[in-house]
PDB file of N, CA and C in Angstrom:
ATOM      1  N   VAL A   1      88.656 106.797 101.413  1.00  0.00           N
ATOM      2  CA  VAL A   1      89.334 107.269 103.094  1.00  0.00           C
ATOM      3  C   VAL A   1      89.215 106.166 104.262  1.00  0.00           C
ATOM      4  N   THR A   2      88.428 104.758 103.901  1.00  0.00           N
ATOM      5  CA  THR A   2      88.503 103.478 104.602  1.00  0.00           C
ATOM      6  C   THR A   2      89.639 102.982 103.961  1.00  0.00           C
ATOM      7  N   TYR A   3      89.185 102.646 102.371  1.00  0.00           N
ATOM      8  CA  TYR A   3      90.651 101.698 101.944  1.00  0.00           C
ATOM      9  C   TYR A   3      91.645 102.478 101.739  1.00  0.00           C
ATOM     10  N   ALA A   4      91.564 103.268 102.067  1.00  0.00           N
ATOM     11  CA  ALA A   4      92.704 104.312 101.941  1.00  0.00           C
ATOM     12  C   ALA A   4      93.723 103.612 103.118  1.00  0.00           C
ATOM     13  N   ASP A   5      93.220 103.827 104.234  1.00  0.00           N
ATOM     14  CA  ASP A   5      93.127 103.759 106.164  1.00  0.00           C
ATOM     15  C   ASP A   5      93.911 102.607 106.002  1.00  0.00           C
ATOM     16  N   SER A   6      93.151 101.227 105.026  1.00  0.00           N
ATOM     17  CA  SER A   6      93.127 100.489 105.299  1.00  0.00           C
ATOM     18  C   SER A   6      94.387  99.074 105.143  1.00  0.00           C
ATOM     19  N   LYS A   7      94.871 100.561 103.467  1.00  0.00           N
ATOM     20  CA  LYS A   7      96.307  99.959 102.671  1.00  0.00           C
ATOM     21  C   LYS A   7      97.399 100.694 103.422  1.00  0.00           C
ATOM     22  N   ASN A   8      97.442 101.714 104.371  1.00  0.00           N
ATOM     23  CA  ASN A   8      98.541 102.536 104.503  1.00  0.00           C
ATOM     24  C   ASN A   8      98.930 102.599 103.002  1.00  0.00           C
ATOM     25  N   LEU A   9      97.719 104.247 102.670  1.00  0.00           N
ATOM     26  CA  LEU A   9      98.230 104.476 101.972  1.00  0.00           C
ATOM     27  C   LEU A   9      98.232 105.769 102.333  1.00  0.00           C
ATOM     28  N   ALA A  10      99.169 106.611 102.545  1.00  0.00           N
ATOM     29  CA  ALA A  10      99.340 107.865 103.429  1.00  0.00           C
ATOM     30  C   ALA A  10      98.971 109.628 102.346  1.00  0.00           C
ATOM     31  N   LEU A  11      99.143 108.977 102.269  1.00  0.00           N
ATOM     32  CA  LEU A  11      99.479 109.575 100.807  1.00  0.00           C
ATOM     33  C   LEU A  11      97.702 110.945 100.369  1.00  0.00           C
ATOM     34  N   LEU A  12      97.240 109.454  99.786  1.00  0.00           N
ATOM     35  CA  LEU A  12      96.223 108.917  99.135  1.00  0.00           C
ATOM     36  C   LEU A  12      94.859 108.941  99.904  1.00  0.00           C
ATOM     37  N   LYS A  13      95.514 108.890 101.316  1.00  0.00           N
ATOM     38  CA  LYS A  13      94.130 109.498 102.269  1.00  0.00           C
ATOM     39  C   LYS A  13      94.085 110.963 102.586  1.00  0.00           C
ATOM     40  N   GLU A  14      95.412 111.951 102.932  1.00  0.00           N
ATOM     41  CA  GLU A  14      95.186 112.813 103.175  1.00  0.00           C
ATOM     42  C   GLU A  14      94.738 113.176 101.866  1.00  0.00           C
ATOM     43  N   HIS A  15      94.583 113.131 100.551  1.00  0.00           N
ATOM     44  CA  HIS A  15      93.807 113.373  99.545  1.00  0.00           C
ATOM     45  C   HIS A  15      92.357 113.175  99.975  1.00  0.00           C
ATOM     46  N   CYS A  16      92.378 112.741 100.205  1.00  0.00           N
ATOM     47  CA  CYS A  16      90.573 111.865 100.563  1.00  0.00           C
ATOM     48  C   CYS A  16      90.694 112.803 101.224  1.00  0.00           C
ATOM     49  N   LEU A  17      90.961 112.853 102.364  1.00  0.00           N
ATOM     50  CA  LEU A  17      90.363 113.929 103.418  1.00  0.00           C
ATOM     51  C   LEU A  17      90.288 115.358 103.358  1.00  0.00           C
ATOM     52  N   ASP A  18      91.706 115.930 102.864  1.00  0.00           N
ATOM     53  CA  ASP A  18      91.050 116.825 102.033  1.00  0.00           C
ATOM     54  C   ASP A  18      90.223 117.707 100.711  1.00  0.00           C
ATOM     55  N   TYR A  19      89.302 116.785 100.292  1.00  0.00           N
ATOM     56  CA  TYR A  19      88.079 116.421  99.581  1.00  0.00           C
ATOM     57  C   TYR A  19      87.116 116.618 100.004  1.00  0.00           C
ATOM     58  N   LEU A  20      86.843 116.406 101.428  1.00  0.00           N
ATOM     59  CA  LEU A  20      86.394 116.038 101.820  1.00  0.00           C
ATOM     60  C   LEU A  20      85.716 117.317 102.838  1.00  0.00           C
ATOM     61  N   SER A  21      86.675 117.463 103.141  1.00  0.00           N
ATOM     62  CA  SER A  21      87.297 119.111 104.043  1.00  0.00           C
ATOM     63  C   SER A  21      86.348 120.486 103.007  1.00  0.00           C
ATOM     64  N   SER A  22      87.195 120.427 102.394  1.00  0.00           N
ATOM     65  CA  SER A  22      87.032 120.920 100.827  1.00  0.00           C
ATOM     66  C   SER A  22      84.957 121.181 100.408  1.00  0.00           C
ATOM     67  N   ALA A  23      85.161 119.749 100.998  1.00  0.00           N
ATOM     68  CA  ALA A  23      83.266 120.366  99.666  1.00  0.00           C
ATOM     69  C   ALA A  23      82.263 120.832 100.889  1.00  0.00           C
ATOM     70  N   ASN A  24      80.955 121.168 100.455  1.00  0.00           N
ATOM     71  CA  ASN A  24      80.001 121.889 101.251  1.00  0.00           C
ATOM     72  C   ASN A  24      79.325 120.551 102.704  1.00  0.00           C
ATOM     73  N   LYS A  25      79.592 121.622 102.979  1.00  0.00           N
ATOM     74  CA  LYS A  25      79.579 120.346 104.597  1.00  0.00           C
ATOM     75  C   LYS A  25      78.175 119.336 104.760  1.00  0.00           C
ATOM     76  N   ILE A  26      77.722 120.520 104.190  1.00  0.00           N
ATOM     77  CA  ILE A  26      75.644 119.980 104.605  1.00  0.00           C
ATOM     78  C   ILE A  26      75.371 118.961 103.874  1.00  0.00           C
ATOM     79  N   GLU A  27      76.448 118.385 102.360  1.00  0.00           N
ATOM     80  CA  GLU A  27      76.404 118.147 101.967  1.00  0.00           C
ATOM     81  C   GLU A  27      76.581 116.178 101.915  1.00  0.00           C
ATOM     82  N   VAL A  28      78.733 116.844 102.368  1.00  0.00           N
ATOM     83  CA  VAL A  28      78.761 116.095 102.713  1.00  0.00           C
ATOM     84  C   VAL A  28      77.713 115.298 103.988  1.00  0.00           C
ATOM     85  N   ALA A  29      77.349 115.803 105.006  1.00  0.00           N
ATOM     86  CA  ALA A  29      76.378 115.449 106.189  1.00  0.00           C
ATOM     87  C   ALA A  29      75.614 113.886 105.688  1.00  0.00           C
ATOM     88  N   LYS A  30      75.319 114.619 104.193  1.00  0.00           N
ATOM     89  CA  LYS A  30      74.299 114.089 103.556  1.00  0.00           C
ATOM     90  C   LYS A  30      74.825 112.891 102.879  1.00  0.00           C
ATOM     91  N   LYS A  31      75.237 112.735 102.129  1.00  0.00           N
ATOM     92  CA  LYS A  31      75.819 111.411 101.329  1.00  0.00           C
ATOM     93  C   LYS A  31      76.550 110.792 101.837  1.00  0.00           C
ATOM     94  N   VAL A  32      77.106 111.144 102.283  1.00  0.00           N
ATOM     95  CA  VAL A  32      79.106 109.985 103.365  1.00  0.00           C
ATOM     96  C   VAL A  32      78.046 108.730 104.528  1.00  0.00           C
ATOM     97  N   SER A  33      78.019 108.022 104.401  1.00  0.00           N
ATOM     98  CA  SER A  33      78.303 107.982 106.136  1.00  0.00           C
ATOM     99  C   SER A  33      78.699 107.956 106.619  1.00  0.00           C
ATOM    100  N   PHE A  34      78.429 107.630 107.844  1.00  0.00           N
ATOM    101  CA  PHE A  34      79.902 107.783 108.639  1.00  0.00           C
ATOM    102  C   PHE A  34      79.804 106.090 109.299  1.00  0.00           C
ATOM    103  N   ASP A  35      78.633 105.367 109.453  1.00  0.00           N
ATOM    104  CA  ASP A  35      78.681 103.926 110.315  1.00  0.00           C
ATOM    105  C   ASP A  35      80.022 103.660 109.920  1.00  0.00           C
ATOM    106  N   ASP A  36      81.152 103.274 109.920  1.00  0.00           N
ATOM    107  CA  ASP A  36      81.972 102.824 109.941  1.00  0.00           C
ATOM    108  C   ASP A  36      82.709 102.875 109.356  1.00  0.00           C
ATOM    109  N   ILE A  37      83.557 104.310 110.330  1.00  0.00           N
ATOM    110  CA  ILE A  37      84.019 104.868 110.296  1.00  0.00           C
ATOM    111  C   ILE A  37      84.709 105.281 111.690  1.00  0.00           C
ATOM    112  N   PRO A  38      86.334 104.579 110.972  1.00  0.00           N
ATOM    113  CA  PRO A  38      86.861 105.422 113.075  1.00  0.00           C
ATOM    114  C   PRO A  38      86.828 105.830 113.618  1.00  0.00           C
ATOM    115  N   SER A  39      87.064 105.717 115.014  1.00  0.00           N
ATOM    116  CA  SER A  39      87.478 107.260 115.237  1.00  0.00           C
ATOM    117  C   SER A  39      88.432 107.264 114.708  1.00  0.00           C
ATOM    118  N   HIS A  40      89.801 107.107 114.416  1.00  0.00           N
ATOM    119  CA  HIS A  40      90.717 107.878 114.753  1.00  0.00           C
ATOM    120  C   HIS A  40      90.705 108.671 113.391  1.00  0.00           C
ATOM    121  N   LEU A  41      89.749 107.707 111.653  1.00  0.00           N
ATOM    122  CA  LEU A  41      89.533 108.607 110.683  1.00  0.00           C
ATOM    123  C   LEU A  41      88.766 110.064 111.152  1.00  0.00           C
ATOM    124  N   MET A  42      88.226 109.618 111.977  1.00  0.00           N
ATOM    125  CA  MET A  42      87.251 111.010 112.643  1.00  0.00           C
ATOM    126  C   MET A  42      88.133 111.489 112.988  1.00  0.00           C
ATOM    127  N   LYS A  43      89.755 111.889 112.956  1.00  0.00           N
ATOM    128  CA  LYS A  43      90.542 112.785 113.720  1.00  0.00           C
ATOM    129  C   LYS A  43      91.009 113.159 113.331  1.00  0.00           C
ATOM    130  N   ASP A  44      91.686 112.410 111.929  1.00  0.00           N
ATOM    131  CA  ASP A  44      92.337 112.569 111.072  1.00  0.00           C
ATOM    132  C   ASP A  44      91.675 113.494 109.784  1.00  0.00           C
ATOM    133  N   TRP A  45      89.883 113.052 109.834  1.00  0.00           N
ATOM    134  CA  TRP A  45      89.108 114.481 109.396  1.00  0.00           C
ATOM    135  C   TRP A  45      89.951 115.998 110.132  1.00  0.00           C
ATOM    136  N   MET A  46      89.287 116.159 111.279  1.00  0.00           N
ATOM    137  CA  MET A  46      89.270 117.052 112.413  1.00  0.00           C
ATOM    138  C   MET A  46      91.138 118.035 111.565  1.00  0.00           C
ATOM    139  N   VAL A  47      91.905 117.434 111.517  1.00  0.00           N
ATOM    140  CA  VAL A  47      92.744 117.776 111.821  1.00  0.00           C
ATOM    141  C   VAL A  47      93.447 118.072 109.992  1.00  0.00           C
ATOM    142  N   SER A  48      92.269 117.811 108.693  1.00  0.00           N
ATOM    143  CA  SER A  48      92.125 118.191 107.446  1.00  0.00           C
ATOM    144  C   SER A  48      91.743 118.764 108.230  1.00  0.00           C
ATOM    145  N   LEU A  49      90.738 120.071 108.157  1.00  0.00           N
ATOM    146  CA  LEU A  49      89.431 120.325 108.794  1.00  0.00           C
ATOM    147  C   LEU A  49      90.779 121.735 109.215  1.00  0.00           C
ATOM    148  N   ALA A  50      90.983 121.625 110.374  1.00  0.00           N
ATOM    149  CA  ALA A  50      91.801 122.451 111.066  1.00  0.00           C
ATOM    150  C   ALA A  50      92.689 123.012 109.673  1.00  0.00           C
ATOM    151  N   ARG A  51      93.948 122.757 109.602  1.00  0.00           N
ATOM    152  CA  ARG A  51      94.851 122.664 108.490  1.00  0.00           C
ATOM    153  C   ARG A  51      94.071 123.776 107.437  1.00  0.00           C
ATOM    154  N   ARG A  52      92.378 123.204 107.242  1.00  0.00           N
ATOM    155  CA  ARG A  52      91.705 123.982 105.898  1.00  0.00           C
ATOM    156  C   ARG A  52      91.911 125.485 106.102  1.00  0.00           C
ATOM    157  N   GLU A  53      91.001 125.657 107.554  1.00  0.00           N
ATOM    158  CA  GLU A  53      90.711 126.911 108.051  1.00  0.00           C
ATOM    159  C   GLU A  53      92.561 127.259 108.711  1.00  0.00           C
ATOM    160  N   GLY A  54      93.314 126.676 108.745  1.00  0.00           N
ATOM    161  CA  GLY A  54      94.473 127.725 108.956  1.00  0.00           C
ATOM    162  C   GLY A  54      95.492 127.660 110.556  1.00  0.00           C
ATOM    163  N   GLY A  55      94.260 126.631 111.330  1.00  0.00           N
ATOM    164  CA  GLY A  55      94.025 127.030 112.119  1.00  0.00           C
ATOM    165  C   GLY A  55      95.559 125.756 112.541  1.00  0.00           C
ATOM    166  N   GLY A  56      96.139 125.441 113.639  1.00  0.00           N
ATOM    167  CA  GLY A  56      97.238 124.771 114.265  1.00  0.00           C
ATOM    168  C   GLY A  56      96.826 124.121 115.129  1.00  0.00           C
ATOM    169  N   SER A  57      97.844 123.366 116.080  1.00  0.00           N
ATOM    170  CA  SER A  57      98.194 123.293 117.454  1.00  0.00           C
ATOM    171  C   SER A  57      98.492 123.941 117.993  1.00  0.00           C
ATOM    172  N   SER A  58      98.044 123.892 119.568  1.00  0.00           N
ATOM    173  CA  SER A  58      97.648 124.775 120.392  1.00  0.00           C
ATOM    174  C   SER A  58      99.270 124.259 121.964  1.00  0.00           C
ATOM    175  N   GLU A  59      99.326 123.214 121.131  1.00  0.00           N
ATOM    176  CA  GLU A  59     100.068 122.722 122.146  1.00  0.00           C
ATOM    177  C   GLU A  59     101.506 123.214 121.426  1.00  0.00           C
ATOM    178  N   GLY A  60     101.974 123.802 120.767  1.00  0.00           N
ATOM    179  CA  GLY A  60     103.081 123.823 119.330  1.00  0.00           C
ATOM    180  C   GLY A  60     103.748 122.492 118.236  1.00  0.00           C
ATOM    181  N   ASP A  61     102.013 122.150 118.475  1.00  0.00           N
ATOM    182  CA  ASP A  61     103.823 119.885 118.462  1.00  0.00           C
ATOM    183  C   ASP A  61     103.132 120.231 116.638  1.00  0.00           C
ATOM    184  N   THR A  62     104.182 120.627 116.404  1.00  0.00           N
ATOM    185  CA  THR A  62     103.525 120.838 114.327  1.00  0.00           C
ATOM    186  C   THR A  62     103.884 119.459 113.672  1.00  0.00           C
ATOM    187  N   PHE A  63     103.950 118.272 114.197  1.00  0.00           N
ATOM    188  CA  PHE A  63     104.318 117.174 113.152  1.00  0.00           C
ATOM    189  C   PHE A  63     103.182 116.278 113.412  1.00  0.00           C
ATOM    190  N   SER A  64     101.897 116.839 113.643  1.00  0.00           N
ATOM    191  CA  SER A  64     100.762 116.712 114.552  1.00  0.00           C
ATOM    192  C   SER A  64      99.765 116.986 112.957  1.00  0.00           C
ATOM    193  N   THR A  65     100.025 118.321 112.841  1.00  0.00           N
ATOM    194  CA  THR A  65      98.648 119.081 111.105  1.00  0.00           C
ATOM    195  C   THR A  65      99.736 119.206 110.561  1.00  0.00           C
ATOM    196  N   MET A  66     101.525 118.677 109.300  1.00  0.00           N
ATOM    197  CA  MET A  66     102.192 119.155 108.746  1.00  0.00           C
ATOM    198  C   MET A  66     101.342 117.819 107.840  1.00  0.00           C
ATOM    199  N   ARG A  67     101.719 117.822 107.187  1.00  0.00           N
ATOM    200  CA  ARG A  67     101.566 117.477 105.043  1.00  0.00           C
ATOM    201  C   ARG A  67     102.662 115.638 104.766  1.00  0.00           C
ATOM    202  N   VAL A  68     101.391 114.668 104.988  1.00  0.00           N
ATOM    203  CA  VAL A  68     102.176 114.217 104.151  1.00  0.00           C
ATOM    204  C   VAL A  68     104.038 114.062 103.462  1.00  0.00           C
ATOM    205  N   SER A  69     103.476 114.700 102.090  1.00  0.00           N
ATOM    206  CA  SER A  69     105.181 115.285 101.930  1.00  0.00           C
ATOM    207  C   SER A  69     105.463 116.165 102.564  1.00  0.00           C
ATOM    208  N   GLN A  70     105.080 116.389 104.143  1.00  0.00           N
ATOM    209  CA  GLN A  70     106.097 117.797 104.500  1.00  0.00           C
ATOM    210  C   GLN A  70     107.054 116.839 105.914  1.00  0.00           C
ATOM    211  N   LEU A  71     106.766 115.843 105.335  1.00  0.00           N
ATOM    212  CA  LEU A  71     106.970 115.316 106.984  1.00  0.00           C
ATOM    213  C   LEU A  71     108.343 114.236 106.509  1.00  0.00           C
ATOM    214  N   ARG A  72     107.498 113.565 104.811  1.00  0.00           N
ATOM    215  CA  ARG A  72     108.676 112.945 104.195  1.00  0.00           C
ATOM    216  C   ARG A  72     109.543 113.583 103.960  1.00  0.00           C
ATOM    217  N   HIS A  73     109.991 114.727 103.498  1.00  0.00           N
ATOM    218  CA  HIS A  73     110.921 116.069 103.202  1.00  0.00           C
ATOM    219  C   HIS A  73     111.346 116.092 104.676  1.00  0.00           C
ATOM    220  N   LEU A  74     110.913 116.280 105.438  1.00  0.00           N
ATOM    221  CA  LEU A  74     111.625 116.274 106.713  1.00  0.00           C
ATOM    222  C   LEU A  74     112.989 114.728 106.572  1.00  0.00           C
ATOM    223  N   ALA A  75     111.997 114.516 106.643  1.00  0.00           N
ATOM    224  CA  ALA A  75     112.838 112.863 107.114  1.00  0.00           C
ATOM    225  C   ALA A  75     114.143 112.769 105.951  1.00  0.00           C
ATOM    226  N   HIS A  76     113.085 112.656 104.819  1.00  0.00           N
ATOM    227  CA  HIS A  76     114.708 112.675 104.191  1.00  0.00           C
ATOM    228  C   HIS A  76     116.000 113.754 104.202  1.00  0.00           C
ATOM    229  N   GLU A  77     115.799 114.753 104.441  1.00  0.00           N
ATOM    230  CA  GLU A  77     117.007 115.872 105.045  1.00  0.00           C
ATOM    231  C   GLU A  77     117.805 114.953 106.076  1.00  0.00           C
ATOM    232  N   LYS A  78     117.387 114.046 106.964  1.00  0.00           N
ATOM    233  CA  LYS A  78     117.971 113.965 108.597  1.00  0.00           C
ATOM    234  C   LYS A  78     118.906 112.739 107.400  1.00  0.00           C
ATOM    235  N   GLY A  79     118.092 111.658 106.377  1.00  0.00           N
ATOM    236  CA  GLY A  79     118.856 110.612 106.292  1.00  0.00           C
ATOM    237  C   GLY A  79     117.794 109.798 106.030  1.00  0.00           C
ATOM    238  N   LEU A  80     116.787 109.739 105.850  1.00  0.00           N
ATOM    239  CA  LEU A  80     115.889 109.062 107.399  1.00  0.00           C
ATOM    240  C   LEU A  80     115.052 108.090 106.179  1.00  0.00           C
ATOM    241  N   SER A  81     114.526 107.041 106.188  1.00  0.00           N
ATOM    242  CA  SER A  81     113.757 106.244 105.077  1.00  0.00           C
ATOM    243  C   SER A  81     112.399 106.997 104.970  1.00  0.00           C
ATOM    244  N   VAL A  82     111.700 106.880 103.632  1.00  0.00           N
ATOM    245  CA  VAL A  82     110.609 107.545 103.767  1.00  0.00           C
ATOM    246  C   VAL A  82     109.609 107.217 102.295  1.00  0.00           C
ATOM    247  N   ASP A  83     110.638 105.638 101.882  1.00  0.00           N
ATOM    248  CA  ASP A  83     109.345 104.634 101.463  1.00  0.00           C
ATOM    249  C   ASP A  83     108.168 104.078 102.489  1.00  0.00           C
ATOM    250  N   GLY A  84     109.265 103.666 103.715  1.00  0.00           N
ATOM    251  CA  GLY A  84     107.455 102.728 104.560  1.00  0.00           C
ATOM    252  C   GLY A  84     107.894 102.084 104.996  1.00  0.00           C
ATOM    253  N   SER A  85     109.288 101.561 105.095  1.00  0.00           N
ATOM    254  CA  SER A  85     109.772 100.221 105.700  1.00  0.00           C
ATOM    255  C   SER A  85     110.351 100.776 106.634  1.00  0.00           C
TER     256      SER A  85
END
């Protein structure tokens, strides 16, 4: 996760966080060191957990819980660049 984040690989980071979210939380807590994980990644993990559990934003902000592919699709529909440049 930290590698994907450091290289701005949004889709890979999303898949890593989804994998952690789908795993047994107790096993993750035992096997994964959270000592060096930046706080913004913890927030991203919480979003991934909420997305998996069907929770959404209570403030009506649909973009904060959208998947990377959904955001790219919306940008493409509006004629915006989706390659990250």
